[in-house]
């Protein structure tokens, strides 16, 4: 974010809007494969196997 925020200000993007888009993209990356960290955490928390 420290590298992206100044670019957003330079291009006239509202910092709140930039933060919302950044967080939405970050969560999308946590939810979907190939990494899908939230999938691994949920499987561990509820003692379930990861779907193949």
N, C-alpha and C. Protein backbone atom coordinates (compact mmCIF):
# COMPACT_ATOMS: atom_id res chain seq x y z
N UNK A 1 0.82 -1.20 0.00
CA UNK A 1 0.00 0.00 0.00
C UNK A 1 0.86 1.26 0.00
N UNK A 2 2.01 1.28 0.70
CA UNK A 2 2.82 2.51 0.65
C UNK A 2 3.29 2.88 -0.76
N UNK A 3 3.38 1.90 -1.64
CA UNK A 3 3.78 2.21 -3.01
C UNK A 3 2.58 2.61 -3.88
N UNK A 4 1.41 2.09 -3.54
CA UNK A 4 0.22 2.34 -4.36
C UNK A 4 -0.46 3.65 -3.98
N UNK A 5 -0.47 4.01 -2.71
CA UNK A 5 -1.18 5.21 -2.26
C UNK A 5 -0.68 6.49 -2.93
N UNK A 6 0.63 6.73 -3.02
CA UNK A 6 1.08 7.94 -3.70
C UNK A 6 0.69 7.97 -5.19
N UNK A 7 0.68 6.81 -5.82
CA UNK A 7 0.25 6.76 -7.22
C UNK A 7 -1.23 7.10 -7.35
N UNK A 8 -2.03 6.63 -6.40
CA UNK A 8 -3.45 6.96 -6.41
C UNK A 8 -3.68 8.45 -6.25
N UNK A 9 -2.94 9.07 -5.35
CA UNK A 9 -3.06 10.52 -5.15
C UNK A 9 -2.61 11.26 -6.41
N UNK A 10 -1.53 10.79 -7.01
CA UNK A 10 -1.02 11.43 -8.23
C UNK A 10 -2.05 11.40 -9.36
N UNK A 11 -2.75 10.28 -9.49
CA UNK A 11 -3.74 10.15 -10.56
C UNK A 11 -5.12 10.64 -10.16
N UNK A 12 -5.25 11.19 -8.96
CA UNK A 12 -6.51 11.78 -8.54
C UNK A 12 -7.55 10.79 -8.04
N UNK A 13 -7.12 9.62 -7.58
CA UNK A 13 -8.05 8.62 -7.05
C UNK A 13 -8.24 8.88 -5.56
N UNK A 14 -9.50 8.87 -5.13
CA UNK A 14 -9.82 9.09 -3.72
C UNK A 14 -9.19 7.96 -2.88
N UNK A 15 -8.47 8.30 -1.81
CA UNK A 15 -7.81 7.27 -1.00
C UNK A 15 -8.77 6.24 -0.40
N UNK A 16 -9.98 6.65 -0.04
CA UNK A 16 -10.95 5.70 0.51
C UNK A 16 -11.38 4.70 -0.57
N UNK A 17 -11.63 5.20 -1.77
CA UNK A 17 -12.01 4.32 -2.87
C UNK A 17 -10.88 3.37 -3.20
N UNK A 18 -9.66 3.86 -3.23
CA UNK A 18 -8.50 3.01 -3.49
C UNK A 18 -8.37 1.92 -2.43
N UNK A 19 -8.59 2.27 -1.17
CA UNK A 19 -8.50 1.29 -0.09
C UNK A 19 -9.57 0.22 -0.21
N UNK A 20 -10.79 0.60 -0.57
CA UNK A 20 -11.87 -0.37 -0.73
C UNK A 20 -11.56 -1.34 -1.86
N UNK A 21 -11.09 -0.82 -2.98
CA UNK A 21 -10.73 -1.68 -4.11
C UNK A 21 -9.56 -2.59 -3.74
N UNK A 22 -8.58 -2.06 -3.04
CA UNK A 22 -7.42 -2.84 -2.63
C UNK A 22 -7.83 -3.99 -1.71
N UNK A 23 -8.67 -3.71 -0.72
CA UNK A 23 -9.10 -4.74 0.22
C UNK A 23 -9.97 -5.79 -0.47
N UNK A 24 -10.84 -5.36 -1.38
CA UNK A 24 -11.67 -6.31 -2.12
C UNK A 24 -10.80 -7.25 -2.96
N UNK A 25 -9.79 -6.72 -3.61
CA UNK A 25 -8.89 -7.56 -4.40
C UNK A 25 -8.06 -8.48 -3.51
N UNK A 26 -7.65 -8.00 -2.36
CA UNK A 26 -6.89 -8.82 -1.43
C UNK A 26 -7.73 -9.99 -0.94
N UNK A 27 -8.98 -9.73 -0.58
CA UNK A 27 -9.86 -10.80 -0.11
C UNK A 27 -10.17 -11.79 -1.22
N UNK A 28 -10.33 -11.32 -2.43
CA UNK A 28 -10.55 -12.22 -3.56
C UNK A 28 -9.36 -13.16 -3.74
N UNK A 29 -8.17 -12.64 -3.54
CA UNK A 29 -6.98 -13.48 -3.62
C UNK A 29 -6.90 -14.49 -2.49
N UNK A 30 -7.39 -14.13 -1.30
CA UNK A 30 -7.40 -15.07 -0.18
C UNK A 30 -8.44 -16.17 -0.36
N UNK A 31 -9.51 -15.89 -1.09
CA UNK A 31 -10.60 -16.85 -1.22
C UNK A 31 -10.40 -17.85 -2.35
N UNK A 32 -9.69 -17.48 -3.39
CA UNK A 32 -9.65 -18.32 -4.59
C UNK A 32 -8.29 -18.99 -4.76
N UNK A 33 -8.28 -20.16 -5.41
CA UNK A 33 -7.02 -20.84 -5.69
C UNK A 33 -6.19 -20.03 -6.67
N UNK A 34 -4.91 -20.24 -6.81
CA UNK A 34 -4.13 -21.36 -6.33
C UNK A 34 -3.72 -21.27 -4.87
N UNK A 35 -3.68 -20.12 -4.28
CA UNK A 35 -3.28 -20.03 -2.87
C UNK A 35 -4.47 -20.27 -1.97
N UNK A 36 -5.50 -19.46 -2.05
CA UNK A 36 -6.73 -19.66 -1.30
C UNK A 36 -6.51 -19.89 0.19
N UNK A 37 -5.76 -19.01 0.83
CA UNK A 37 -5.41 -19.20 2.23
C UNK A 37 -6.63 -19.38 3.12
N UNK A 38 -7.72 -18.67 2.86
CA UNK A 38 -8.92 -18.82 3.69
C UNK A 38 -9.52 -20.21 3.55
N UNK A 39 -9.37 -20.86 2.40
CA UNK A 39 -9.86 -22.23 2.25
C UNK A 39 -9.10 -23.17 3.16
N UNK A 40 -7.79 -23.01 3.25
CA UNK A 40 -6.99 -23.85 4.13
C UNK A 40 -7.32 -23.59 5.60
N UNK A 41 -7.51 -22.34 5.96
CA UNK A 41 -7.84 -22.02 7.35
C UNK A 41 -9.20 -22.57 7.74
N UNK A 42 -10.19 -22.47 6.86
CA UNK A 42 -11.52 -23.00 7.16
C UNK A 42 -11.49 -24.52 7.26
N UNK A 43 -10.75 -25.17 6.39
CA UNK A 43 -10.64 -26.63 6.45
C UNK A 43 -9.97 -27.07 7.74
N UNK A 44 -8.96 -26.36 8.16
CA UNK A 44 -8.28 -26.69 9.41
C UNK A 44 -9.19 -26.44 10.61
N UNK A 45 -9.89 -25.32 10.61
CA UNK A 45 -10.75 -24.93 11.74
C UNK A 45 -11.89 -25.92 11.96
N UNK A 46 -12.48 -26.42 10.87
CA UNK A 46 -13.63 -27.31 10.98
C UNK A 46 -13.26 -28.79 10.76
N UNK A 47 -11.96 -29.10 10.80
CA UNK A 47 -11.46 -30.47 10.65
C UNK A 47 -12.03 -31.18 9.43
N UNK A 48 -12.02 -30.49 8.32
CA UNK A 48 -12.49 -31.05 7.06
C UNK A 48 -11.32 -31.17 6.09
N UNK A 49 -11.43 -32.12 5.17
CA UNK A 49 -10.42 -32.25 4.13
C UNK A 49 -10.66 -31.19 3.06
N UNK A 50 -9.58 -30.77 2.43
CA UNK A 50 -9.72 -29.84 1.32
C UNK A 50 -10.31 -30.58 0.13
N UNK A 51 -11.30 -29.99 -0.54
CA UNK A 51 -11.85 -30.66 -1.73
C UNK A 51 -10.80 -30.74 -2.84
N UNK A 52 -10.85 -31.79 -3.58
CA UNK A 52 -9.87 -31.98 -4.66
C UNK A 52 -10.26 -31.17 -5.86
